[in-house]
Amino acid sequence: MNTARAYNGLELLRLIPGNEEIIEPHLHTPTSLIRDIDRLCTPSTPITDGAVLNLVIKYFFAYVHPSSCPHVVRLEEITRLFQAFSQLNDKTPGGRPRSRTMQLMKQVEFGLRMLADVPKTARIVRSIIRRNLPPSESFLGFDIGTGSGILLLAMYIMARRNGFEKIENIGLEVEDTAARRTRSLAARLEFGLVIKANAKDPRTFLPYKDRKVNFVSNETIAGVTQRLGKEDFTEINQTLFNVFGKPLVSSAFFPERLYAFSPKDKISVQLEPLTRFQPLNAFSSAVLYPQGIRIEGQDVPLDRLGEDLNWAIPDSSRRYLTRRW
């Protein structure tokens, strides 16, 4: 199949100069996104850095061009889309109208910006897929602020690898356009249900109140130069623990722990399930800034997350990446 004709908008993307690839070419696998998901859902498939990177960049492409899911897309075309996204807010030369592809990316820009930080996204996805959960017949997971849905997909793969027979994988997104777009792709790929809902509202979780929650992903974390309260991380976790109570302590979380620092008081605090991801009372009035997270048993500064995967991104292509934190 001629992929250049399969996805609307790529004609204009070819006008962007450059031959760089978004990941090292030897890492790219000539397989479809659907094939890659199926393979990763098989417990015997190794969770390699290359496999996770392919999942992330192909998902980025499919989020913009859903019809690509069953097809092999050349690395060059995926790279062109990253290039175009990096120039999303540039003025078009000569006042030329934006392509439909560029218009769509603008509509879902926030979710794509999180996704397009390939090293950090891949690091988080890898950590979720690798999680081992206690055996159980059914899986219930929530991805809070699901955005593009990439972590919701990682949760689904993780549940499949852990042998759950019944999987209820729920993404919550408050922004309407992102919720609709991600809901459509999640339905197409059959990895979860995306609901437009406010995770700070207890009513969002009441239908599941008496259920065991196996996994919670909550990446609504402010950047290292922003106050912790700028995003809804602690408030959402407070809502979750108010609804589900003490049993939620035994659930698995991303992040496993969040570290925050108060420059004024010169103190560091750790937010984790045992504290409901809240500062202890002695530090409740401190002005805190996110500092780092625990991931796969390691403590990693938030702004350095994913550095162990930088080797996979050619130096000349790093300018196309965004930054989560």
C-alpha atoms as a PDB file:
ATOM      1  CA  MET A   1       0.000   0.000   0.000  1.00  0.00           C
ATOM      2  CA  ASN A   2       1.253   3.489  -0.792  1.00  0.00           C
ATOM      3  CA  THR A   3       1.287   5.080   2.650  1.00  0.00           C
ATOM      4  CA  ALA A   4       1.799   8.529   1.147  1.00  0.00           C
ATOM      5  CA  ARG A   5      -1.762   8.330  -0.222  1.00  0.00           C
ATOM      6  CA  ALA A   6      -3.226   6.698   2.844  1.00  0.00           C
ATOM      7  CA  TYR A   7      -2.945   9.628   5.234  1.00  0.00           C
ATOM      8  CA  ASN A   8      -4.328  13.103   4.530  1.00  0.00           C
ATOM      9  CA  GLY A   9      -1.996  16.041   4.824  1.00  0.00           C
ATOM     10  CA  LEU A  10       1.387  14.452   4.117  1.00  0.00           C
ATOM     11  CA  GLU A  11       1.768  16.302   0.827  1.00  0.00           C
ATOM     12  CA  LEU A  12       2.541  19.547   2.677  1.00  0.00           C
ATOM     13  CA  LEU A  13       4.709  17.745   5.211  1.00  0.00           C
ATOM     14  CA  ARG A  14       7.114  16.757   2.440  1.00  0.00           C
ATOM     15  CA  LEU A  15       7.995  20.408   1.957  1.00  0.00           C
ATOM     16  CA  ILE A  16       9.792  20.451   5.289  1.00  0.00           C
ATOM     17  CA  PRO A  17      13.530  19.938   4.606  1.00  0.00           C
ATOM     18  CA  GLY A  18      15.800  17.514   6.426  1.00  0.00           C
ATOM     19  CA  ASN A  19      16.747  13.857   6.361  1.00  0.00           C
ATOM     20  CA  GLU A  20      17.034  13.205  10.083  1.00  0.00           C
ATOM     21  CA  GLU A  21      15.174  10.277  11.621  1.00  0.00           C
ATOM     22  CA  ILE A  22      13.290  10.573  14.897  1.00  0.00           C
ATOM     23  CA  ILE A  23      14.980   7.428  16.262  1.00  0.00           C
ATOM     24  CA  GLU A  24      18.112   5.640  15.129  1.00  0.00           C
ATOM     25  CA  PRO A  25      17.139   3.858  11.875  1.00  0.00           C
ATOM     26  CA  HIS A  26      18.403   0.454  13.004  1.00  0.00           C
ATOM     27  CA  LEU A  27      15.841   0.505  15.825  1.00  0.00           C
ATOM     28  CA  HIS A  28      12.833   0.967  13.569  1.00  0.00           C
ATOM     29  CA  THR A  29      10.860  -2.195  12.861  1.00  0.00           C
ATOM     30  CA  PRO A  30       8.903  -2.480   9.570  1.00  0.00           C
ATOM     31  CA  THR A  31       5.739  -3.604  11.365  1.00  0.00           C
ATOM     32  CA  SER A  32       2.363  -1.995  11.969  1.00  0.00           C
ATOM     33  CA  LEU A  33       1.284  -0.461  15.258  1.00  0.00           C
ATOM     34  CA  ILE A  34      -1.323  -3.201  15.673  1.00  0.00           C
ATOM     35  CA  ARG A  35       1.336  -5.857  15.184  1.00  0.00           C
ATOM     36  CA  ASP A  36       3.646  -4.193  17.712  1.00  0.00           C
ATOM     37  CA  ILE A  37       0.870  -4.027  20.321  1.00  0.00           C
ATOM     38  CA  ASP A  38      -0.029  -7.682  19.795  1.00  0.00           C
ATOM     39  CA  ARG A  39       3.595  -8.733  20.207  1.00  0.00           C
ATOM     40  CA  LEU A  40       4.119  -6.697  23.372  1.00  0.00           C
ATOM     41  CA  CYS A  41       0.934  -8.166  24.882  1.00  0.00           C
ATOM     42  CA  THR A  42       2.549 -11.605  24.648  1.00  0.00           C
ATOM     43  CA  PRO A  43       4.408 -12.288  27.920  1.00  0.00           C
ATOM     44  CA  SER A  44       7.258 -14.062  26.132  1.00  0.00           C
ATOM     45  CA  THR A  45       8.076 -10.959  24.047  1.00  0.00           C
ATOM     46  CA  PRO A  46      11.066  -9.086  25.554  1.00  0.00           C
ATOM     47  CA  ILE A  47      10.366  -5.489  26.555  1.00  0.00           C
ATOM     48  CA  THR A  48      13.323  -3.926  24.778  1.00  0.00           C
ATOM     49  CA  ASP A  49      14.029  -0.223  24.469  1.00  0.00           C
ATOM     50  CA  GLY A  50      13.610  -0.555  20.715  1.00  0.00           C
ATOM     51  CA  ALA A  51      10.174  -2.153  21.048  1.00  0.00           C
ATOM     52  CA  VAL A  52       8.970   0.606  23.377  1.00  0.00           C
ATOM     53  CA  LEU A  53      10.378   3.395  21.198  1.00  0.00           C
ATOM     54  CA  ASN A  54       8.642   1.931  18.145  1.00  0.00           C
ATOM     55  CA  LEU A  55       5.379   1.794  20.077  1.00  0.00           C
ATOM     56  CA  VAL A  56       5.647   5.465  21.062  1.00  0.00           C
ATOM     57  CA  ILE A  57       6.543   6.923  17.661  1.00  0.00           C
ATOM     58  CA  LYS A  58       4.044   4.762  15.760  1.00  0.00           C
ATOM     59  CA  TYR A  59       1.332   5.697  18.240  1.00  0.00           C
ATOM     60  CA  PHE A  60       2.187   9.371  17.709  1.00  0.00           C
ATOM     61  CA  PHE A  61       1.657   8.888  13.982  1.00  0.00           C
ATOM     62  CA  ALA A  62      -1.559   6.904  14.485  1.00  0.00           C
ATOM     63  CA  TYR A  63      -2.983   9.550  16.812  1.00  0.00           C
ATOM     64  CA  VAL A  64      -2.901  11.967  13.897  1.00  0.00           C
ATOM     65  CA  HIS A  65      -3.598   9.356  11.180  1.00  0.00           C
ATOM     66  CA  PRO A  66      -5.713   6.564  12.749  1.00  0.00           C
ATOM     67  CA  SER A  67      -6.057   4.732   9.426  1.00  0.00           C
ATOM     68  CA  SER A  68      -2.338   3.919   9.654  1.00  0.00           C
ATOM     69  CA  CYS A  69      -2.828   1.469  12.552  1.00  0.00           C
ATOM     70  CA  PRO A  70      -2.836  -1.759  10.472  1.00  0.00           C
ATOM     71  CA  HIS A  71      -0.190  -0.546   7.995  1.00  0.00           C
ATOM     72  CA  VAL A  72       3.577  -0.342   7.954  1.00  0.00           C
ATOM     73  CA  VAL A  73       4.603   3.313   7.975  1.00  0.00           C
ATOM     74  CA  ARG A  74       8.088   4.292   6.893  1.00  0.00           C
ATOM     75  CA  LEU A  75      10.308   5.909   9.487  1.00  0.00           C
ATOM     76  CA  GLU A  76      10.751   8.853   7.118  1.00  0.00           C
ATOM     77  CA  GLU A  77       7.019   9.583   7.228  1.00  0.00           C
ATOM     78  CA  ILE A  78       6.886   9.323  11.010  1.00  0.00           C
ATOM     79  CA  THR A  79       9.841  11.695  11.238  1.00  0.00           C
ATOM     80  CA  ARG A  80       8.151  14.190   8.910  1.00  0.00           C
ATOM     81  CA  LEU A  81       5.188  14.316  11.263  1.00  0.00           C
ATOM     82  CA  PHE A  82       7.450  15.031  14.241  1.00  0.00           C
ATOM     83  CA  GLN A  83       9.132  17.759  12.196  1.00  0.00           C
ATOM     84  CA  ALA A  84       5.781  19.291  11.316  1.00  0.00           C
ATOM     85  CA  PHE A  85       4.607  19.180  14.911  1.00  0.00           C
ATOM     86  CA  SER A  86       7.767  20.943  16.074  1.00  0.00           C
ATOM     87  CA  GLN A  87       6.834  23.797  13.702  1.00  0.00           C
ATOM     88  CA  LEU A  88       3.166  23.799  14.617  1.00  0.00           C
ATOM     89  CA  ASN A  89       3.143  27.339  15.961  1.00  0.00           C
ATOM     90  CA  ASP A  90       5.400  28.821  13.278  1.00  0.00           C
ATOM     91  CA  LYS A  91       3.838  31.133  10.738  1.00  0.00           C
ATOM     92  CA  THR A  92       3.160  29.442   7.416  1.00  0.00           C
ATOM     93  CA  PRO A  93       5.372  30.786   4.577  1.00  0.00           C
ATOM     94  CA  GLY A  94       3.538  33.160   2.277  1.00  0.00           C
ATOM     95  CA  GLY A  95       0.366  32.853   4.285  1.00  0.00           C
ATOM     96  CA  ARG A  96      -0.291  29.397   2.825  1.00  0.00           C
ATOM     97  CA  PRO A  97      -3.240  27.687   4.587  1.00  0.00           C
ATOM     98  CA  ARG A  98      -2.322  24.950   7.016  1.00  0.00           C
ATOM     99  CA  SER A  99      -2.974  21.385   5.987  1.00  0.00           C
ATOM    100  CA  ARG A 100      -5.754  19.408   7.629  1.00  0.00           C
ATOM    101  CA  THR A 101      -3.035  17.495   9.446  1.00  0.00           C
ATOM    102  CA  MET A 102      -1.625  20.670  10.972  1.00  0.00           C
ATOM    103  CA  GLN A 103      -5.109  21.854  11.934  1.00  0.00           C
ATOM    104  CA  LEU A 104      -5.798  18.568  13.691  1.00  0.00           C
ATOM    105  CA  MET A 105      -2.475  18.645  15.545  1.00  0.00           C
ATOM    106  CA  LYS A 106      -3.279  22.146  16.754  1.00  0.00           C
ATOM    107  CA  GLN A 107      -6.594  20.956  18.165  1.00  0.00           C
ATOM    108  CA  VAL A 108      -4.948  18.184  20.217  1.00  0.00           C
ATOM    109  CA  GLU A 109      -1.642  19.968  20.782  1.00  0.00           C
ATOM    110  CA  PHE A 110      -1.350  19.437  24.537  1.00  0.00           C
ATOM    111  CA  GLY A 111      -1.668  15.653  24.402  1.00  0.00           C
ATOM    112  CA  LEU A 112       0.722  15.441  21.474  1.00  0.00           C
ATOM    113  CA  ARG A 113       3.278  17.614  23.259  1.00  0.00           C
ATOM    114  CA  MET A 114       3.407  15.165  26.133  1.00  0.00           C
ATOM    115  CA  LEU A 115       3.638  12.245  23.723  1.00  0.00           C
ATOM    116  CA  ALA A 116       6.323  13.890  21.578  1.00  0.00           C
ATOM    117  CA  ASP A 117       8.845  13.899  24.416  1.00  0.00           C
ATOM    118  CA  VAL A 118       9.899  10.498  23.131  1.00  0.00           C
ATOM    119  CA  PRO A 119      12.596   9.593  25.717  1.00  0.00           C
ATOM    120  CA  LYS A 120      10.467  10.509  28.751  1.00  0.00           C
ATOM    121  CA  THR A 121       7.326   8.969  27.296  1.00  0.00           C
ATOM    122  CA  ALA A 122       9.138   5.762  26.395  1.00  0.00           C
ATOM    123  CA  ARG A 123      10.685   5.583  29.873  1.00  0.00           C
ATOM    124  CA  ILE A 124       7.280   5.846  31.530  1.00  0.00           C
ATOM    125  CA  VAL A 125       5.683   3.403  29.085  1.00  0.00           C
ATOM    126  CA  ARG A 126       8.505   0.909  29.661  1.00  0.00           C
ATOM    127  CA  SER A 127       8.082   1.140  33.437  1.00  0.00           C
ATOM    128  CA  ILE A 128       4.330   0.497  33.241  1.00  0.00           C
ATOM    129  CA  ILE A 129       4.595  -2.427  30.828  1.00  0.00           C
ATOM    130  CA  ARG A 130       7.214  -4.059  33.054  1.00  0.00           C
ATOM    131  CA  ARG A 131       5.119  -3.899  36.229  1.00  0.00           C
ATOM    132  CA  ASN A 132       4.309  -7.245  37.781  1.00  0.00           C
ATOM    133  CA  LEU A 133       0.940  -7.317  39.542  1.00  0.00           C
ATOM    134  CA  PRO A 134      -0.512  -9.942  41.905  1.00  0.00           C
ATOM    135  CA  PRO A 135      -2.559 -12.491  39.945  1.00  0.00           C
ATOM    136  CA  SER A 136      -6.270 -11.824  39.746  1.00  0.00           C
ATOM    137  CA  GLU A 137      -9.096 -12.595  37.346  1.00  0.00           C
ATOM    138  CA  SER A 138     -10.075  -8.996  36.603  1.00  0.00           C
ATOM    139  CA  PHE A 139      -8.139  -5.761  36.127  1.00  0.00           C
ATOM    140  CA  LEU A 140      -9.384  -2.266  36.882  1.00  0.00           C
ATOM    141  CA  GLY A 141      -7.096   0.626  36.040  1.00  0.00           C
ATOM    142  CA  PHE A 142      -7.405   4.394  35.768  1.00  0.00           C
ATOM    143  CA  ASP A 143      -5.237   6.698  33.689  1.00  0.00           C
ATOM    144  CA  ILE A 144      -5.821  10.193  35.042  1.00  0.00           C
ATOM    145  CA  GLY A 145      -5.499  13.042  32.547  1.00  0.00           C
ATOM    146  CA  THR A 146      -5.074  10.481  29.817  1.00  0.00           C
ATOM    147  CA  GLY A 147      -4.351  13.025  27.055  1.00  0.00           C
ATOM    148  CA  SER A 148      -3.182  11.066  24.022  1.00  0.00           C
ATOM    149  CA  GLY A 149      -3.846   7.754  25.792  1.00  0.00           C
ATOM    150  CA  ILE A 150      -0.320   6.346  25.463  1.00  0.00           C
ATOM    151  CA  LEU A 151      -0.111   5.443  29.164  1.00  0.00           C
ATOM    152  CA  LEU A 152      -3.581   3.904  28.976  1.00  0.00           C
ATOM    153  CA  LEU A 153      -2.242   1.709  26.168  1.00  0.00           C
ATOM    154  CA  ALA A 154       0.793   0.811  28.291  1.00  0.00           C
ATOM    155  CA  MET A 155      -1.558  -0.200  31.121  1.00  0.00           C
ATOM    156  CA  TYR A 156      -3.510  -2.456  28.774  1.00  0.00           C
ATOM    157  CA  ILE A 157      -0.333  -4.169  27.574  1.00  0.00           C
ATOM    158  CA  MET A 158       0.788  -4.594  31.181  1.00  0.00           C
ATOM    159  CA  ALA A 159      -2.561  -6.147  32.154  1.00  0.00           C
ATOM    160  CA  ARG A 160      -2.376  -8.561  29.221  1.00  0.00           C
ATOM    161  CA  ARG A 161       1.192  -9.559  30.094  1.00  0.00           C
ATOM    162  CA  ASN A 162       0.104 -10.195  33.685  1.00  0.00           C
ATOM    163  CA  GLY A 163      -2.566 -12.629  32.517  1.00  0.00           C
ATOM    164  CA  PHE A 164      -5.722 -10.767  33.502  1.00  0.00           C
ATOM    165  CA  GLU A 165      -8.762 -12.295  31.776  1.00  0.00           C
ATOM    166  CA  LYS A 166     -11.127  -9.351  32.257  1.00  0.00           C
ATOM    167  CA  ILE A 167      -9.641  -5.918  31.645  1.00  0.00           C
ATOM    168  CA  GLU A 168     -11.422  -2.665  32.467  1.00  0.00           C
ATOM    169  CA  ASN A 169      -8.994   0.058  31.452  1.00  0.00           C
ATOM    170  CA  ILE A 170     -10.340   3.587  31.900  1.00  0.00           C
ATOM    171  CA  GLY A 171      -8.835   6.865  30.784  1.00  0.00           C
ATOM    172  CA  LEU A 172     -10.166  10.100  32.255  1.00  0.00           C
ATOM    173  CA  GLU A 173      -9.745  13.347  30.345  1.00  0.00           C
ATOM    174  CA  VAL A 174     -11.390  16.662  31.136  1.00  0.00           C
ATOM    175  CA  GLU A 175     -10.716  18.359  27.777  1.00  0.00           C
ATOM    176  CA  ASP A 176     -13.447  17.572  25.264  1.00  0.00           C
ATOM    177  CA  THR A 177     -11.485  17.441  21.977  1.00  0.00           C
ATOM    178  CA  ALA A 178      -8.722  15.265  23.413  1.00  0.00           C
ATOM    179  CA  ALA A 179     -11.263  12.971  25.080  1.00  0.00           C
ATOM    180  CA  ARG A 180     -13.121  12.414  21.807  1.00  0.00           C
ATOM    181  CA  ARG A 181      -9.971  11.865  19.753  1.00  0.00           C
ATOM    182  CA  THR A 182      -8.410   9.460  22.243  1.00  0.00           C
ATOM    183  CA  ARG A 183     -11.698   7.625  22.815  1.00  0.00           C
ATOM    184  CA  SER A 184     -11.915   6.959  19.080  1.00  0.00           C
ATOM    185  CA  LEU A 185      -8.362   5.615  18.811  1.00  0.00           C
ATOM    186  CA  ALA A 186      -8.708   3.526  21.983  1.00  0.00           C
ATOM    187  CA  ALA A 187     -11.869   1.963  20.556  1.00  0.00           C
ATOM    188  CA  ARG A 188     -10.166   1.302  17.228  1.00  0.00           C
ATOM    189  CA  LEU A 189      -7.251  -0.433  18.933  1.00  0.00           C
ATOM    190  CA  GLU A 190      -9.449  -1.931  21.689  1.00  0.00           C
ATOM    191  CA  PHE A 191      -7.229  -1.018  24.621  1.00  0.00           C
ATOM    192  CA  GLY A 192      -9.588   0.944  26.841  1.00  0.00           C
ATOM    193  CA  LEU A 193     -12.483   3.302  27.403  1.00  0.00           C
ATOM    194  CA  VAL A 194     -11.884   7.052  27.510  1.00  0.00           C
ATOM    195  CA  ILE A 195     -14.372   9.136  29.458  1.00  0.00           C
ATOM    196  CA  LYS A 196     -14.668  12.908  29.529  1.00  0.00           C
ATOM    197  CA  ALA A 197     -14.707  13.482  33.257  1.00  0.00           C
ATOM    198  CA  ASN A 198     -13.177  15.514  36.061  1.00  0.00           C
ATOM    199  CA  ALA A 199     -11.012  13.276  38.244  1.00  0.00           C
ATOM    200  CA  LYS A 200     -11.278  15.783  41.117  1.00  0.00           C
ATOM    201  CA  ASP A 201     -15.002  15.028  41.338  1.00  0.00           C
ATOM    202  CA  PRO A 202     -15.744  11.982  43.570  1.00  0.00           C
ATOM    203  CA  ARG A 203     -18.790  11.178  41.436  1.00  0.00           C
ATOM    204  CA  THR A 204     -16.442  10.156  38.622  1.00  0.00           C
ATOM    205  CA  PHE A 205     -15.319   7.128  40.639  1.00  0.00           C
ATOM    206  CA  LEU A 206     -18.503   6.230  42.522  1.00  0.00           C
ATOM    207  CA  PRO A 207     -19.579   3.531  39.981  1.00  0.00           C
ATOM    208  CA  TYR A 208     -16.363   1.660  40.891  1.00  0.00           C
ATOM    209  CA  LYS A 209     -16.377   2.397  44.633  1.00  0.00           C
ATOM    210  CA  ASP A 210     -16.526  -1.211  45.850  1.00  0.00           C
ATOM    211  CA  ARG A 211     -14.082  -2.579  43.262  1.00  0.00           C
ATOM    212  CA  LYS A 212     -10.419  -3.416  43.679  1.00  0.00           C
ATOM    213  CA  VAL A 213      -8.256  -0.946  41.760  1.00  0.00           C
ATOM    214  CA  ASN A 214      -5.168  -2.639  40.346  1.00  0.00           C
ATOM    215  CA  PHE A 215      -3.338   0.309  38.825  1.00  0.00           C
ATOM    216  CA  VAL A 216      -3.509   4.106  38.775  1.00  0.00           C
ATOM    217  CA  SER A 217      -1.506   6.307  36.441  1.00  0.00           C
ATOM    218  CA  ASN A 218      -1.583   9.999  37.304  1.00  0.00           C
ATOM    219  CA  GLU A 219       0.821  12.207  35.376  1.00  0.00           C
ATOM    220  CA  THR A 220      -0.866  15.493  36.241  1.00  0.00           C
ATOM    221  CA  ILE A 221       2.443  16.674  37.713  1.00  0.00           C
ATOM    222  CA  ALA A 222       3.678  20.249  37.473  1.00  0.00           C
ATOM    223  CA  GLY A 223       7.110  21.032  36.052  1.00  0.00           C
ATOM    224  CA  VAL A 224      10.157  21.429  38.287  1.00  0.00           C
ATOM    225  CA  THR A 225       9.936  25.237  38.106  1.00  0.00           C
ATOM    226  CA  GLN A 226       6.219  25.288  38.932  1.00  0.00           C
ATOM    227  CA  ARG A 227       4.454  24.954  42.239  1.00  0.00           C
ATOM    228  CA  LEU A 228       3.128  21.490  42.947  1.00  0.00           C
ATOM    229  CA  GLY A 229      -0.404  22.878  43.173  1.00  0.00           C
ATOM    230  CA  LYS A 230      -0.312  24.276  39.627  1.00  0.00           C
ATOM    231  CA  GLU A 231      -1.482  20.840  38.460  1.00  0.00           C
ATOM    232  CA  ASP A 232      -4.065  18.606  40.118  1.00  0.00           C
ATOM    233  CA  PHE A 233      -1.856  15.696  41.204  1.00  0.00           C
ATOM    234  CA  THR A 234      -2.418  15.891  44.963  1.00  0.00           C
ATOM    235  CA  GLU A 235      -6.076  16.898  44.722  1.00  0.00           C
ATOM    236  CA  ILE A 236      -6.884  14.012  42.382  1.00  0.00           C
ATOM    237  CA  ASN A 237      -5.128  11.528  44.647  1.00  0.00           C
ATOM    238  CA  GLN A 238      -7.012  12.884  47.644  1.00  0.00           C
ATOM    239  CA  THR A 239     -10.260  12.264  45.750  1.00  0.00           C
ATOM    240  CA  LEU A 240      -9.210   8.717  44.854  1.00  0.00           C
ATOM    241  CA  PHE A 241      -8.351   7.813  48.448  1.00  0.00           C
ATOM    242  CA  ASN A 242     -11.529   9.430  49.760  1.00  0.00           C
ATOM    243  CA  VAL A 243     -13.589   7.223  47.438  1.00  0.00           C
ATOM    244  CA  PHE A 244     -11.681   3.934  47.594  1.00  0.00           C
ATOM    245  CA  GLY A 245     -10.258   4.224  51.090  1.00  0.00           C
ATOM    246  CA  LYS A 246      -7.442   2.254  52.687  1.00  0.00           C
ATOM    247  CA  PRO A 247      -7.502  -0.684  50.183  1.00  0.00           C
ATOM    248  CA  LEU A 248      -6.092   1.703  47.555  1.00  0.00           C
ATOM    249  CA  VAL A 249      -2.747   1.639  49.408  1.00  0.00           C
ATOM    250  CA  SER A 250      -2.141  -1.855  48.012  1.00  0.00           C
ATOM    251  CA  SER A 251      -2.743  -0.728  44.407  1.00  0.00           C
ATOM    252  CA  ALA A 252       0.146  -0.077  42.007  1.00  0.00           C
ATOM    253  CA  PHE A 253       0.768   3.508  40.929  1.00  0.00           C
ATOM    254  CA  PHE A 254       2.640   5.594  38.444  1.00  0.00           C
ATOM    255  CA  PRO A 255       4.545   7.371  39.784  1.00  0.00           C
ATOM    256  CA  GLU A 256       5.403   5.041  42.632  1.00  0.00           C
ATOM    257  CA  ARG A 257       6.433   8.091  44.638  1.00  0.00           C
ATOM    258  CA  LEU A 258       6.758  11.820  43.997  1.00  0.00           C
ATOM    259  CA  TYR A 259       9.453  13.937  45.631  1.00  0.00           C
ATOM    260  CA  ALA A 260       8.910  17.649  46.179  1.00  0.00           C
ATOM    261  CA  PHE A 261      11.140  20.396  47.565  1.00  0.00           C
ATOM    262  CA  SER A 262      10.499  23.647  49.408  1.00  0.00           C
ATOM    263  CA  PRO A 263      13.246  26.205  48.620  1.00  0.00           C
ATOM    264  CA  LYS A 264      12.037  28.471  51.414  1.00  0.00           C
ATOM    265  CA  ASP A 265      11.988  25.827  54.145  1.00  0.00           C
ATOM    266  CA  LYS A 266      14.888  23.797  52.693  1.00  0.00           C
ATOM    267  CA  ILE A 267      12.962  20.555  53.074  1.00  0.00           C
ATOM    268  CA  SER A 268      12.202  17.644  50.780  1.00  0.00           C
ATOM    269  CA  VAL A 269       9.031  15.599  51.150  1.00  0.00           C
ATOM    270  CA  GLN A 270       7.913  12.351  49.611  1.00  0.00           C
ATOM    271  CA  LEU A 271       4.372  11.738  48.465  1.00  0.00           C
ATOM    272  CA  GLU A 272       3.375   8.076  48.201  1.00  0.00           C
ATOM    273  CA  PRO A 273       0.368   5.778  48.673  1.00  0.00           C
ATOM    274  CA  LEU A 274       0.914   5.538  52.449  1.00  0.00           C
ATOM    275  CA  THR A 275       0.478   9.325  52.670  1.00  0.00           C
ATOM    276  CA  ARG A 276      -2.282   9.366  50.023  1.00  0.00           C
ATOM    277  CA  PHE A 277       0.262  11.298  47.928  1.00  0.00           C
ATOM    278  CA  GLN A 278      -0.220  14.240  50.309  1.00  0.00           C
ATOM    279  CA  PRO A 279       2.459  16.133  52.288  1.00  0.00           C
ATOM    280  CA  LEU A 280       2.523  15.177  55.958  1.00  0.00           C
ATOM    281  CA  ASN A 281       0.663  17.613  58.197  1.00  0.00           C
ATOM    282  CA  ALA A 282       3.912  19.183  59.374  1.00  0.00           C
ATOM    283  CA  PHE A 283       4.640  20.274  55.790  1.00  0.00           C
ATOM    284  CA  SER A 284       1.097  20.964  54.577  1.00  0.00           C
ATOM    285  CA  SER A 285       1.652  24.728  54.427  1.00  0.00           C
ATOM    286  CA  ALA A 286       5.031  24.543  52.654  1.00  0.00           C
ATOM    287  CA  VAL A 287       5.316  25.845  49.088  1.00  0.00           C
ATOM    288  CA  LEU A 288       6.526  22.757  47.222  1.00  0.00           C
ATOM    289  CA  TYR A 289       8.007  22.194  43.782  1.00  0.00           C
ATOM    290  CA  PRO A 290       8.108  18.756  42.094  1.00  0.00           C
ATOM    291  CA  GLN A 291      11.635  17.396  42.171  1.00  0.00           C
ATOM    292  CA  GLY A 292      11.700  13.754  41.150  1.00  0.00           C
ATOM    293  CA  ILE A 293       9.855  10.468  41.013  1.00  0.00           C
ATOM    294  CA  ARG A 294      10.437   6.852  41.903  1.00  0.00           C
ATOM    295  CA  ILE A 295      10.139   4.690  38.821  1.00  0.00           C
ATOM    296  CA  GLU A 296      11.052   0.999  38.535  1.00  0.00           C
ATOM    297  CA  GLY A 297      12.526   1.245  42.022  1.00  0.00           C
ATOM    298  CA  GLN A 298      14.849   4.114  41.099  1.00  0.00           C
ATOM    299  CA  ASP A 299      14.738   7.733  42.209  1.00  0.00           C
ATOM    300  CA  VAL A 300      15.050   9.963  39.135  1.00  0.00           C
ATOM    301  CA  PRO A 301      14.993  13.790  38.931  1.00  0.00           C
ATOM    302  CA  LEU A 302      11.898  14.790  37.015  1.00  0.00           C
ATOM    303  CA  ASP A 303      13.773  16.847  34.433  1.00  0.00           C
ATOM    304  CA  ARG A 304      16.261  14.010  33.811  1.00  0.00           C
ATOM    305  CA  LEU A 305      13.711  11.274  33.302  1.00  0.00           C
ATOM    306  CA  GLY A 306      14.355   9.472  30.019  1.00  0.00           C
ATOM    307  CA  GLU A 307      18.014  10.472  29.705  1.00  0.00           C
ATOM    308  CA  ASP A 308      18.945   6.800  29.576  1.00  0.00           C
ATOM    309  CA  LEU A 309      17.121   6.628  26.219  1.00  0.00           C
ATOM    310  CA  ASN A 310      18.695   9.717  24.646  1.00  0.00           C
ATOM    311  CA  TRP A 311      21.146   7.459  22.826  1.00  0.00           C
ATOM    312  CA  ALA A 312      18.271   6.320  20.612  1.00  0.00           C
ATOM    313  CA  ILE A 313      17.552   9.834  19.294  1.00  0.00           C
ATOM    314  CA  PRO A 314      19.996  11.188  16.686  1.00  0.00           C
ATOM    315  CA  ASP A 315      21.517  14.493  17.821  1.00  0.00           C
ATOM    316  CA  SER A 316      20.164  16.271  14.748  1.00  0.00           C
ATOM    317  CA  SER A 317      16.589  15.188  15.557  1.00  0.00           C
ATOM    318  CA  ARG A 318      16.435  16.218  19.198  1.00  0.00           C
ATOM    319  CA  ARG A 319      15.174  19.667  18.266  1.00  0.00           C
ATOM    320  CA  TYR A 320      11.916  18.020  17.165  1.00  0.00           C
ATOM    321  CA  LEU A 321      11.224  16.720  20.675  1.00  0.00           C
ATOM    322  CA  THR A 322       9.083  18.507  23.234  1.00  0.00           C
ATOM    323  CA  ARG A 323       9.437  18.414  27.015  1.00  0.00           C
ATOM    324  CA  ARG A 324       6.955  16.904  29.444  1.00  0.00           C
ATOM    325  CA  TRP A 325       8.655  18.419  32.509  1.00  0.00           C
END
